[in-house]
mmCIF file of all heavy atoms, coordinates in Angstrom:
data_MODEL
# 
_entry.id   MODEL 
# 
loop_
_atom_site.group_PDB 
_atom_site.id 
_atom_site.type_symbol 
_atom_site.label_atom_id 
_atom_site.label_alt_id 
_atom_site.label_comp_id 
_atom_site.label_asym_id 
_atom_site.label_entity_id 
_atom_site.label_seq_id 
_atom_site.pdbx_PDB_ins_code 
_atom_site.Cartn_x 
_atom_site.Cartn_y 
_atom_site.Cartn_z 
_atom_site.occupancy 
_atom_site.B_iso_or_equiv 
_atom_site.pdbx_formal_charge 
_atom_site.auth_seq_id 
_atom_site.auth_comp_id 
_atom_site.auth_asym_id 
_atom_site.auth_atom_id 
_atom_site.pdbx_PDB_model_num 
ATOM 1   N N   . CYS A 1 1  ? -14.015 59.074 -119.342 1.00 0.00 ? 1  CYS A N   1 
ATOM 2   C CA  . CYS A 1 1  ? -14.637 57.839 -119.837 1.00 0.00 ? 1  CYS A CA  1 
ATOM 3   C C   . CYS A 1 1  ? -15.595 58.118 -120.987 1.00 0.00 ? 1  CYS A C   1 
ATOM 4   O O   . CYS A 1 1  ? -15.810 57.262 -121.851 1.00 0.00 ? 1  CYS A O   1 
ATOM 5   C CB  . CYS A 1 1  ? -15.379 57.131 -118.703 1.00 0.00 ? 1  CYS A CB  1 
ATOM 6   S SG  . CYS A 1 1  ? -14.356 55.979 -117.774 1.00 0.00 ? 1  CYS A SG  1 
ATOM 7   N N   . LEU A 1 2  ? -16.179 59.309 -121.006 1.00 0.00 ? 2  LEU A N   1 
ATOM 8   C CA  . LEU A 1 2  ? -17.154 59.657 -122.039 1.00 0.00 ? 2  LEU A CA  1 
ATOM 9   C C   . LEU A 1 2  ? -16.487 59.945 -123.378 1.00 0.00 ? 2  LEU A C   1 
ATOM 10  O O   . LEU A 1 2  ? -17.135 59.828 -124.425 1.00 0.00 ? 2  LEU A O   1 
ATOM 11  C CB  . LEU A 1 2  ? -17.969 60.875 -121.602 1.00 0.00 ? 2  LEU A CB  1 
ATOM 12  C CG  . LEU A 1 2  ? -18.829 60.706 -120.344 1.00 0.00 ? 2  LEU A CG  1 
ATOM 13  C CD1 . LEU A 1 2  ? -19.461 62.029 -119.957 1.00 0.00 ? 2  LEU A CD1 1 
ATOM 14  C CD2 . LEU A 1 2  ? -19.892 59.639 -120.550 1.00 0.00 ? 2  LEU A CD2 1 
ATOM 15  N N   . ILE A 1 3  ? -15.207 60.336 -123.362 1.00 0.00 ? 3  ILE A N   1 
ATOM 16  C CA  . ILE A 1 3  ? -14.534 60.712 -124.608 1.00 0.00 ? 3  ILE A CA  1 
ATOM 17  C C   . ILE A 1 3  ? -13.452 59.718 -125.013 1.00 0.00 ? 3  ILE A C   1 
ATOM 18  O O   . ILE A 1 3  ? -12.860 59.853 -126.083 1.00 0.00 ? 3  ILE A O   1 
ATOM 19  C CB  . ILE A 1 3  ? -13.939 62.133 -124.501 1.00 0.00 ? 3  ILE A CB  1 
ATOM 20  C CG1 . ILE A 1 3  ? -12.983 62.240 -123.313 1.00 0.00 ? 3  ILE A CG1 1 
ATOM 21  C CG2 . ILE A 1 3  ? -15.033 63.161 -124.381 1.00 0.00 ? 3  ILE A CG2 1 
ATOM 22  C CD1 . ILE A 1 3  ? -12.387 63.620 -123.131 1.00 0.00 ? 3  ILE A CD1 1 
ATOM 23  N N   . GLU A 1 4  ? -13.197 58.718 -124.179 1.00 0.00 ? 4  GLU A N   1 
ATOM 24  C CA  . GLU A 1 4  ? -12.248 57.673 -124.530 1.00 0.00 ? 4  GLU A CA  1 
ATOM 25  C C   . GLU A 1 4  ? -12.964 56.562 -125.289 1.00 0.00 ? 4  GLU A C   1 
ATOM 26  O O   . GLU A 1 4  ? -14.190 56.533 -125.369 1.00 0.00 ? 4  GLU A O   1 
ATOM 27  C CB  . GLU A 1 4  ? -11.598 57.091 -123.266 1.00 0.00 ? 4  GLU A CB  1 
ATOM 28  C CG  . GLU A 1 4  ? -10.657 58.049 -122.569 1.00 0.00 ? 4  GLU A CG  1 
ATOM 29  C CD  . GLU A 1 4  ? -10.182 57.527 -121.231 1.00 0.00 ? 4  GLU A CD  1 
ATOM 30  O OE1 . GLU A 1 4  ? -10.879 56.651 -120.669 1.00 0.00 ? 4  GLU A OE1 1 
ATOM 31  O OE2 . GLU A 1 4  ? -9.154  58.001 -120.744 1.00 0.00 ? 4  GLU A OE2 1 
ATOM 32  N N   . HIS A 1 5  ? -12.163 55.625 -125.828 1.00 0.00 ? 5  HIS A N   1 
ATOM 33  C CA  . HIS A 1 5  ? -12.744 54.451 -126.463 1.00 0.00 ? 5  HIS A CA  1 
ATOM 34  C C   . HIS A 1 5  ? -13.584 53.688 -125.448 1.00 0.00 ? 5  HIS A C   1 
ATOM 35  O O   . HIS A 1 5  ? -13.179 53.489 -124.316 1.00 0.00 ? 5  HIS A O   1 
ATOM 36  C CB  . HIS A 1 5  ? -11.644 53.531 -127.009 1.00 0.00 ? 5  HIS A CB  1 
ATOM 37  C CG  . HIS A 1 5  ? -10.945 54.097 -128.197 1.00 0.00 ? 5  HIS A CG  1 
ATOM 38  N ND1 . HIS A 1 5  ? -11.558 54.250 -129.421 1.00 0.00 ? 5  HIS A ND1 1 
ATOM 39  C CD2 . HIS A 1 5  ? -9.684  54.554 -128.361 1.00 0.00 ? 5  HIS A CD2 1 
ATOM 40  C CE1 . HIS A 1 5  ? -10.698 54.773 -130.282 1.00 0.00 ? 5  HIS A CE1 1 
ATOM 41  N NE2 . HIS A 1 5  ? -9.559  54.977 -129.655 1.00 0.00 ? 5  HIS A NE2 1 
ATOM 42  N N   . LYS A 1 6  ? -14.762 53.294 -125.852 1.00 0.00 ? 6  LYS A N   1 
ATOM 43  C CA  . LYS A 1 6  ? -15.689 52.614 -124.952 1.00 0.00 ? 6  LYS A CA  1 
ATOM 44  C C   . LYS A 1 6  ? -15.262 51.163 -124.737 1.00 0.00 ? 6  LYS A C   1 
ATOM 45  O O   . LYS A 1 6  ? -15.056 50.413 -125.688 1.00 0.00 ? 6  LYS A O   1 
ATOM 46  C CB  . LYS A 1 6  ? -17.120 52.647 -125.514 1.00 0.00 ? 6  LYS A CB  1 
ATOM 47  C CG  . LYS A 1 6  ? -17.672 54.050 -125.688 1.00 0.00 ? 6  LYS A CG  1 
ATOM 48  C CD  . LYS A 1 6  ? -17.741 54.797 -124.363 1.00 0.00 ? 6  LYS A CD  1 
ATOM 49  C CE  . LYS A 1 6  ? -18.389 56.162 -124.519 1.00 0.00 ? 6  LYS A CE  1 
ATOM 50  N NZ  . LYS A 1 6  ? -17.587 57.097 -125.324 1.00 0.00 ? 6  LYS A NZ  1 
ATOM 51  N N   . ARG A 1 7  ? -15.130 50.787 -123.471 1.00 0.00 ? 7  ARG A N   1 
ATOM 52  C CA  . ARG A 1 7  ? -14.812 49.415 -123.128 1.00 0.00 ? 7  ARG A CA  1 
ATOM 53  C C   . ARG A 1 7  ? -16.092 48.640 -122.829 1.00 0.00 ? 7  ARG A C   1 
ATOM 54  O O   . ARG A 1 7  ? -17.155 49.220 -122.645 1.00 0.00 ? 7  ARG A O   1 
ATOM 55  C CB  . ARG A 1 7  ? -13.877 49.376 -121.905 1.00 0.00 ? 7  ARG A CB  1 
ATOM 56  C CG  . ARG A 1 7  ? -12.544 50.035 -122.162 1.00 0.00 ? 7  ARG A CG  1 
ATOM 57  C CD  . ARG A 1 7  ? -11.562 49.772 -121.062 1.00 0.00 ? 7  ARG A CD  1 
ATOM 58  N NE  . ARG A 1 7  ? -12.023 50.220 -119.754 1.00 0.00 ? 7  ARG A NE  1 
ATOM 59  C CZ  . ARG A 1 7  ? -11.206 50.351 -118.699 1.00 0.00 ? 7  ARG A CZ  1 
ATOM 60  N NH1 . ARG A 1 7  ? -9.934  50.078 -118.834 1.00 0.00 ? 7  ARG A NH1 1 
ATOM 61  N NH2 . ARG A 1 7  ? -11.675 50.751 -117.552 1.00 0.00 ? 7  ARG A NH2 1 
ATOM 62  N N   . LYS A 1 8  ? -15.958 47.324 -122.793 1.00 0.00 ? 8  LYS A N   1 
ATOM 63  C CA  . LYS A 1 8  ? -17.121 46.480 -122.550 1.00 0.00 ? 8  LYS A CA  1 
ATOM 64  C C   . LYS A 1 8  ? -17.722 46.739 -121.167 1.00 0.00 ? 8  LYS A C   1 
ATOM 65  O O   . LYS A 1 8  ? -18.915 46.512 -120.961 1.00 0.00 ? 8  LYS A O   1 
ATOM 66  C CB  . LYS A 1 8  ? -16.735 45.006 -122.687 1.00 0.00 ? 8  LYS A CB  1 
ATOM 67  C CG  . LYS A 1 8  ? -16.334 44.620 -124.110 1.00 0.00 ? 8  LYS A CG  1 
ATOM 68  C CD  . LYS A 1 8  ? -15.886 43.175 -124.184 1.00 0.00 ? 8  LYS A CD  1 
ATOM 69  C CE  . LYS A 1 8  ? -15.467 42.806 -125.602 1.00 0.00 ? 8  LYS A CE  1 
ATOM 70  N NZ  . LYS A 1 8  ? -14.974 41.416 -125.692 1.00 0.00 ? 8  LYS A NZ  1 
ATOM 71  N N   . ASP A 1 9  ? -16.891 47.193 -120.231 1.00 0.00 ? 9  ASP A N   1 
ATOM 72  C CA  . ASP A 1 9  ? -17.395 47.467 -118.890 1.00 0.00 ? 9  ASP A CA  1 
ATOM 73  C C   . ASP A 1 9  ? -17.536 48.973 -118.664 1.00 0.00 ? 9  ASP A C   1 
ATOM 74  O O   . ASP A 1 9  ? -17.313 49.463 -117.559 1.00 0.00 ? 9  ASP A O   1 
ATOM 75  C CB  . ASP A 1 9  ? -16.479 46.844 -117.832 1.00 0.00 ? 9  ASP A CB  1 
ATOM 76  C CG  . ASP A 1 9  ? -15.088 47.462 -117.836 1.00 0.00 ? 9  ASP A CG  1 
ATOM 77  O OD1 . ASP A 1 9  ? -14.718 48.114 -118.841 1.00 0.00 ? 9  ASP A OD1 1 
ATOM 78  O OD2 . ASP A 1 9  ? -14.371 47.317 -116.830 1.00 0.00 ? 9  ASP A OD2 1 
ATOM 79  N N   . PHE A 1 10 ? -17.941 49.690 -119.709 1.00 0.00 ? 10 PHE A N   1 
ATOM 80  C CA  . PHE A 1 10 ? -18.061 51.152 -119.625 1.00 0.00 ? 10 PHE A CA  1 
ATOM 81  C C   . PHE A 1 10 ? -18.962 51.569 -118.471 1.00 0.00 ? 10 PHE A C   1 
ATOM 82  O O   . PHE A 1 10 ? -18.608 52.434 -117.661 1.00 0.00 ? 10 PHE A O   1 
ATOM 83  C CB  . PHE A 1 10 ? -18.604 51.707 -120.938 1.00 0.00 ? 10 PHE A CB  1 
ATOM 84  C CG  . PHE A 1 10 ? -19.021 53.159 -120.865 1.00 0.00 ? 10 PHE A CG  1 
ATOM 85  C CD1 . PHE A 1 10 ? -18.073 54.164 -120.900 1.00 0.00 ? 10 PHE A CD1 1 
ATOM 86  C CD2 . PHE A 1 10 ? -20.360 53.504 -120.748 1.00 0.00 ? 10 PHE A CD2 1 
ATOM 87  C CE1 . PHE A 1 10 ? -18.449 55.497 -120.822 1.00 0.00 ? 10 PHE A CE1 1 
ATOM 88  C CE2 . PHE A 1 10 ? -20.753 54.837 -120.667 1.00 0.00 ? 10 PHE A CE2 1 
ATOM 89  C CZ  . PHE A 1 10 ? -19.791 55.833 -120.708 1.00 0.00 ? 10 PHE A CZ  1 
ATOM 90  N N   . TRP A 1 11 ? -20.149 50.964 -118.377 1.00 0.00 ? 11 TRP A N   1 
ATOM 91  C CA  . TRP A 1 11 ? -21.095 51.371 -117.343 1.00 0.00 ? 11 TRP A CA  1 
ATOM 92  C C   . TRP A 1 11 ? -20.604 50.993 -115.961 1.00 0.00 ? 11 TRP A C   1 
ATOM 93  O O   . TRP A 1 11 ? -20.828 51.728 -114.989 1.00 0.00 ? 11 TRP A O   1 
ATOM 94  C CB  . TRP A 1 11 ? -22.474 50.767 -117.615 1.00 0.00 ? 11 TRP A CB  1 
ATOM 95  C CG  . TRP A 1 11 ? -23.121 51.358 -118.821 1.00 0.00 ? 11 TRP A CG  1 
ATOM 96  C CD1 . TRP A 1 11 ? -23.348 50.761 -120.025 1.00 0.00 ? 11 TRP A CD1 1 
ATOM 97  C CD2 . TRP A 1 11 ? -23.613 52.708 -118.954 1.00 0.00 ? 11 TRP A CD2 1 
ATOM 98  N NE1 . TRP A 1 11 ? -23.942 51.637 -120.904 1.00 0.00 ? 11 TRP A NE1 1 
ATOM 99  C CE2 . TRP A 1 11 ? -24.122 52.848 -120.269 1.00 0.00 ? 11 TRP A CE2 1 
ATOM 100 C CE3 . TRP A 1 11 ? -23.675 53.801 -118.092 1.00 0.00 ? 11 TRP A CE3 1 
ATOM 101 C CZ2 . TRP A 1 11 ? -24.681 54.022 -120.731 1.00 0.00 ? 11 TRP A CZ2 1 
ATOM 102 C CZ3 . TRP A 1 11 ? -24.223 54.982 -118.549 1.00 0.00 ? 11 TRP A CZ3 1 
ATOM 103 C CH2 . TRP A 1 11 ? -24.725 55.086 -119.854 1.00 0.00 ? 11 TRP A CH2 1 
ATOM 104 N N   . GLU A 1 12 ? -19.920 49.856 -115.854 1.00 0.00 ? 12 GLU A N   1 
ATOM 105 C CA  . GLU A 1 12 ? -19.360 49.469 -114.566 1.00 0.00 ? 12 GLU A CA  1 
ATOM 106 C C   . GLU A 1 12 ? -18.267 50.445 -114.134 1.00 0.00 ? 12 GLU A C   1 
ATOM 107 O O   . GLU A 1 12 ? -18.170 50.815 -112.954 1.00 0.00 ? 12 GLU A O   1 
ATOM 108 C CB  . GLU A 1 12 ? -18.793 48.043 -114.632 1.00 0.00 ? 12 GLU A CB  1 
ATOM 109 C CG  . GLU A 1 12 ? -19.847 46.960 -114.743 1.00 0.00 ? 12 GLU A CG  1 
ATOM 110 C CD  . GLU A 1 12 ? -20.310 46.740 -116.188 1.00 0.00 ? 12 GLU A CD  1 
ATOM 111 O OE1 . GLU A 1 12 ? -19.880 47.496 -117.078 1.00 0.00 ? 12 GLU A OE1 1 
ATOM 112 O OE2 . GLU A 1 12 ? -21.105 45.802 -116.398 1.00 0.00 ? 12 GLU A OE2 1 
ATOM 113 N N   . MET A 1 13 ? -17.445 50.878 -115.123 1.00 0.00 ? 13 MET A N   1 
ATOM 114 C CA  . MET A 1 13 ? -16.397 51.845 -114.807 1.00 0.00 ? 13 MET A CA  1 
ATOM 115 C C   . MET A 1 13 ? -16.996 53.181 -114.377 1.00 0.00 ? 13 MET A C   1 
ATOM 116 O O   . MET A 1 13 ? -16.521 53.818 -113.422 1.00 0.00 ? 13 MET A O   1 
ATOM 117 C CB  . MET A 1 13 ? -15.492 52.042 -116.012 1.00 0.00 ? 13 MET A CB  1 
ATOM 118 C CG  . MET A 1 13 ? -14.516 50.917 -116.262 1.00 0.00 ? 13 MET A CG  1 
ATOM 119 S SD  . MET A 1 13 ? -13.361 50.666 -114.894 1.00 0.00 ? 13 MET A SD  1 
ATOM 120 C CE  . MET A 1 13 ? -12.507 52.235 -114.892 1.00 0.00 ? 13 MET A CE  1 
ATOM 121 N N   . GLN A 1 14 ? -18.046 53.619 -115.057 1.00 0.00 ? 14 GLN A N   1 
ATOM 122 C CA  . GLN A 1 14 ? -18.690 54.874 -114.679 1.00 0.00 ? 14 GLN A CA  1 
ATOM 123 C C   . GLN A 1 14 ? -19.303 54.757 -113.281 1.00 0.00 ? 14 GLN A C   1 
ATOM 124 O O   . GLN A 1 14 ? -19.209 55.678 -112.474 1.00 0.00 ? 14 GLN A O   1 
ATOM 125 C CB  . GLN A 1 14 ? -19.775 55.251 -115.697 1.00 0.00 ? 14 GLN A CB  1 
ATOM 126 C CG  . GLN A 1 14 ? -19.231 55.843 -116.992 1.00 0.00 ? 14 GLN A CG  1 
ATOM 127 C CD  . GLN A 1 14 ? -18.588 57.210 -116.783 1.00 0.00 ? 14 GLN A CD  1 
ATOM 128 O OE1 . GLN A 1 14 ? -17.618 57.371 -116.055 1.00 0.00 ? 14 GLN A OE1 1 
ATOM 129 N NE2 . GLN A 1 14 ? -19.125 58.215 -117.446 1.00 0.00 ? 14 GLN A NE2 1 
ATOM 130 N N   . MET A 1 15 ? -19.927 53.617 -113.006 1.00 0.00 ? 15 MET A N   1 
ATOM 131 C CA  . MET A 1 15 ? -20.483 53.399 -111.671 1.00 0.00 ? 15 MET A CA  1 
ATOM 132 C C   . MET A 1 15 ? -19.373 53.448 -110.626 1.00 0.00 ? 15 MET A C   1 
ATOM 133 O O   . MET A 1 15 ? -19.527 54.051 -109.555 1.00 0.00 ? 15 MET A O   1 
ATOM 134 C CB  . MET A 1 15 ? -21.205 52.050 -111.601 1.00 0.00 ? 15 MET A CB  1 
ATOM 135 C CG  . MET A 1 15 ? -21.826 51.764 -110.235 1.00 0.00 ? 15 MET A CG  1 
ATOM 136 S SD  . MET A 1 15 ? -22.526 50.094 -110.112 1.00 0.00 ? 15 MET A SD  1 
ATOM 137 C CE  . MET A 1 15 ? -23.826 50.208 -111.350 1.00 0.00 ? 15 MET A CE  1 
ATOM 138 N N   . HIS A 1 16 ? -18.245 52.822 -110.956 1.00 0.00 ? 16 HIS A N   1 
ATOM 139 C CA  . HIS A 1 16 ? -17.108 52.808 -110.031 1.00 0.00 ? 16 HIS A CA  1 
ATOM 140 C C   . HIS A 1 16 ? -16.623 54.228 -109.756 1.00 0.00 ? 16 HIS A C   1 
ATOM 141 O O   . HIS A 1 16 ? -16.379 54.605 -108.596 1.00 0.00 ? 16 HIS A O   1 
ATOM 142 C CB  . HIS A 1 16 ? -15.977 51.965 -110.623 1.00 0.00 ? 16 HIS A CB  1 
ATOM 143 C CG  . HIS A 1 16 ? -14.729 51.962 -109.797 1.00 0.00 ? 16 HIS A CG  1 
ATOM 144 N ND1 . HIS A 1 16 ? -13.675 52.809 -110.039 1.00 0.00 ? 16 HIS A ND1 1 
ATOM 145 C CD2 . HIS A 1 16 ? -14.384 51.227 -108.719 1.00 0.00 ? 16 HIS A CD2 1 
ATOM 146 C CE1 . HIS A 1 16 ? -12.726 52.592 -109.145 1.00 0.00 ? 16 HIS A CE1 1 
ATOM 147 N NE2 . HIS A 1 16 ? -13.127 51.636 -108.336 1.00 0.00 ? 16 HIS A NE2 1 
ATOM 148 N N   . HIS A 1 17 ? -16.486 55.052 -110.810 1.00 0.00 ? 17 HIS A N   1 
ATOM 149 C CA  . HIS A 1 17 ? -16.031 56.429 -110.632 1.00 0.00 ? 17 HIS A CA  1 
ATOM 150 C C   . HIS A 1 17 ? -17.013 57.233 -109.795 1.00 0.00 ? 17 HIS A C   1 
ATOM 151 O O   . HIS A 1 17 ? -16.621 57.970 -108.880 1.00 0.00 ? 17 HIS A O   1 
ATOM 152 C CB  . HIS A 1 17 ? -15.844 57.103 -111.994 1.00 0.00 ? 17 HIS A CB  1 
ATOM 153 C CG  . HIS A 1 17 ? -14.698 56.546 -112.793 1.00 0.00 ? 17 HIS A CG  1 
ATOM 154 N ND1 . HIS A 1 17 ? -13.709 55.793 -112.227 1.00 0.00 ? 17 HIS A ND1 1 
ATOM 155 C CD2 . HIS A 1 17 ? -14.384 56.660 -114.115 1.00 0.00 ? 17 HIS A CD2 1 
ATOM 156 C CE1 . HIS A 1 17 ? -12.829 55.447 -113.157 1.00 0.00 ? 17 HIS A CE1 1 
ATOM 157 N NE2 . HIS A 1 17 ? -13.213 55.964 -114.305 1.00 0.00 ? 17 HIS A NE2 1 
ATOM 158 N N   . ILE A 1 18 ? -18.294 57.116 -110.111 1.00 0.00 ? 18 ILE A N   1 
ATOM 159 C CA  . ILE A 1 18 ? -19.321 57.887 -109.398 1.00 0.00 ? 18 ILE A CA  1 
ATOM 160 C C   . ILE A 1 18 ? -19.403 57.457 -107.936 1.00 0.00 ? 18 ILE A C   1 
ATOM 161 O O   . ILE A 1 18 ? -19.474 58.300 -107.029 1.00 0.00 ? 18 ILE A O   1 
ATOM 162 C CB  . ILE A 1 18 ? -20.684 57.724 -110.099 1.00 0.00 ? 18 ILE A CB  1 
ATOM 163 C CG1 . ILE A 1 18 ? -20.645 58.386 -111.484 1.00 0.00 ? 18 ILE A CG1 1 
ATOM 164 C CG2 . ILE A 1 18 ? -21.794 58.348 -109.254 1.00 0.00 ? 18 ILE A CG2 1 
ATOM 165 C CD1 . ILE A 1 18 ? -21.864 58.093 -112.343 1.00 0.00 ? 18 ILE A CD1 1 
ATOM 166 N N   . VAL A 1 19 ? -19.385 56.144 -107.696 1.00 0.00 ? 19 VAL A N   1 
ATOM 167 C CA  . VAL A 1 19 ? -19.440 55.637 -106.323 1.00 0.00 ? 19 VAL A CA  1 
ATOM 168 C C   . VAL A 1 19 ? -18.207 56.083 -105.547 1.00 0.00 ? 19 VAL A C   1 
ATOM 169 O O   . VAL A 1 19 ? -18.300 56.479 -104.370 1.00 0.00 ? 19 VAL A O   1 
ATOM 170 C CB  . VAL A 1 19 ? -19.563 54.102 -106.319 1.00 0.00 ? 19 VAL A CB  1 
ATOM 171 C CG1 . VAL A 1 19 ? -19.343 53.546 -104.914 1.00 0.00 ? 19 VAL A CG1 1 
ATOM 172 C CG2 . VAL A 1 19 ? -20.926 53.678 -106.831 1.00 0.00 ? 19 VAL A CG2 1 
ATOM 173 N N   . THR A 1 20 ? -17.036 56.050 -106.185 1.00 0.00 ? 20 THR A N   1 
ATOM 174 C CA  . THR A 1 20 ? -15.803 56.450 -105.511 1.00 0.00 ? 20 THR A CA  1 
ATOM 175 C C   . THR A 1 20 ? -15.840 57.915 -105.109 1.00 0.00 ? 20 THR A C   1 
ATOM 176 O O   . THR A 1 20 ? -15.513 58.268 -103.970 1.00 0.00 ? 20 THR A O   1 
ATOM 177 C CB  . THR A 1 20 ? -14.588 56.187 -106.416 1.00 0.00 ? 20 THR A CB  1 
ATOM 178 O OG1 . THR A 1 20 ? -14.510 54.791 -106.730 1.00 0.00 ? 20 THR A OG1 1 
ATOM 179 C CG2 . THR A 1 20 ? -13.298 56.609 -105.721 1.00 0.00 ? 20 THR A CG2 1 
ATOM 180 N N   . VAL A 1 21 ? -16.234 58.782 -106.049 1.00 0.00 ? 21 VAL A N   1 
ATOM 181 C CA  . VAL A 1 21 ? -16.320 60.209 -105.732 1.00 0.00 ? 21 VAL A CA  1 
ATOM 182 C C   . VAL A 1 21 ? -17.351 60.454 -104.631 1.00 0.00 ? 21 VAL A C   1 
ATOM 183 O O   . VAL A 1 21 ? -17.113 61.248 -103.703 1.00 0.00 ? 21 VAL A O   1 
ATOM 184 C CB  . VAL A 1 21 ? -16.670 61.028 -106.992 1.00 0.00 ? 21 VAL A CB  1 
ATOM 185 C CG1 . VAL A 1 21 ? -16.921 62.494 -106.631 1.00 0.00 ? 21 VAL A CG1 1 
ATOM 186 C CG2 . VAL A 1 21 ? -15.549 60.932 -108.022 1.00 0.00 ? 21 VAL A CG2 1 
ATOM 187 N N   . SER A 1 22 ? -18.485 59.776 -104.709 1.00 0.00 ? 22 SER A N   1 
ATOM 188 C CA  . SER A 1 22 ? -19.526 59.926 -103.688 1.00 0.00 ? 22 SER A CA  1 
ATOM 189 C C   . SER A 1 22 ? -19.030 59.455 -102.324 1.00 0.00 ? 22 SER A C   1 
ATOM 190 O O   . SER A 1 22 ? -19.254 60.111 -101.296 1.00 0.00 ? 22 SER A O   1 
ATOM 191 C CB  . SER A 1 22 ? -20.777 59.137 -104.083 1.00 0.00 ? 22 SER A CB  1 
ATOM 192 O OG  . SER A 1 22 ? -21.292 59.573 -105.324 1.00 0.00 ? 22 SER A OG  1 
ATOM 193 N N   . LEU A 1 23 ? -18.347 58.312 -102.304 1.00 0.00 ? 23 LEU A N   1 
ATOM 194 C CA  . LEU A 1 23 ? -17.836 57.769 -101.053 1.00 0.00 ? 23 LEU A CA  1 
ATOM 195 C C   . LEU A 1 23 ? -16.798 58.706 -100.434 1.00 0.00 ? 23 LEU A C   1 
ATOM 196 O O   . LEU A 1 23 ? -16.800 58.931 -99.213  1.00 0.00 ? 23 LEU A O   1 
ATOM 197 C CB  . LEU A 1 23 ? -17.224 56.392 -101.288 1.00 0.00 ? 23 LEU A CB  1 
ATOM 198 C CG  . LEU A 1 23 ? -16.652 55.667 -100.067 1.00 0.00 ? 23 LEU A CG  1 
ATOM 199 C CD1 . LEU A 1 23 ? -17.728 55.470 -99.009  1.00 0.00 ? 23 LEU A CD1 1 
ATOM 200 C CD2 . LEU A 1 23 ? -16.052 54.323 -100.474 1.00 0.00 ? 23 LEU A CD2 1 
ATOM 201 N N   . ILE A 1 24 ? -15.924 59.269 -101.270 1.00 0.00 ? 24 ILE A N   1 
ATOM 202 C CA  . ILE A 1 24 ? -14.916 60.200 -100.757 1.00 0.00 ? 24 ILE A CA  1 
ATOM 203 C C   . ILE A 1 24 ? -15.586 61.436 -100.156 1.00 0.00 ? 24 ILE A C   1 
ATOM 204 O O   . ILE A 1 24 ? -15.234 61.886 -99.061  1.00 0.00 ? 24 ILE A O   1 
ATOM 205 C CB  . ILE A 1 24 ? -13.943 60.607 -101.883 1.00 0.00 ? 24 ILE A CB  1 
ATOM 206 C CG1 . ILE A 1 24 ? -13.097 59.406 -102.307 1.00 0.00 ? 24 ILE A CG1 1 
ATOM 207 C CG2 . ILE A 1 24 ? -13.028 61.744 -101.416 1.00 0.00 ? 24 ILE A CG2 1 
ATOM 208 C CD1 . ILE A 1 24 ? -12.260 59.663 -103.547 1.00 0.00 ? 24 ILE A CD1 1 
# 
């Protein structure tokens, strides 16, 4: 996500990734 084109929901996507990894 840090090196791809930034989407409008960049921070939401990062939160989703971090929460998912943490939950797993």
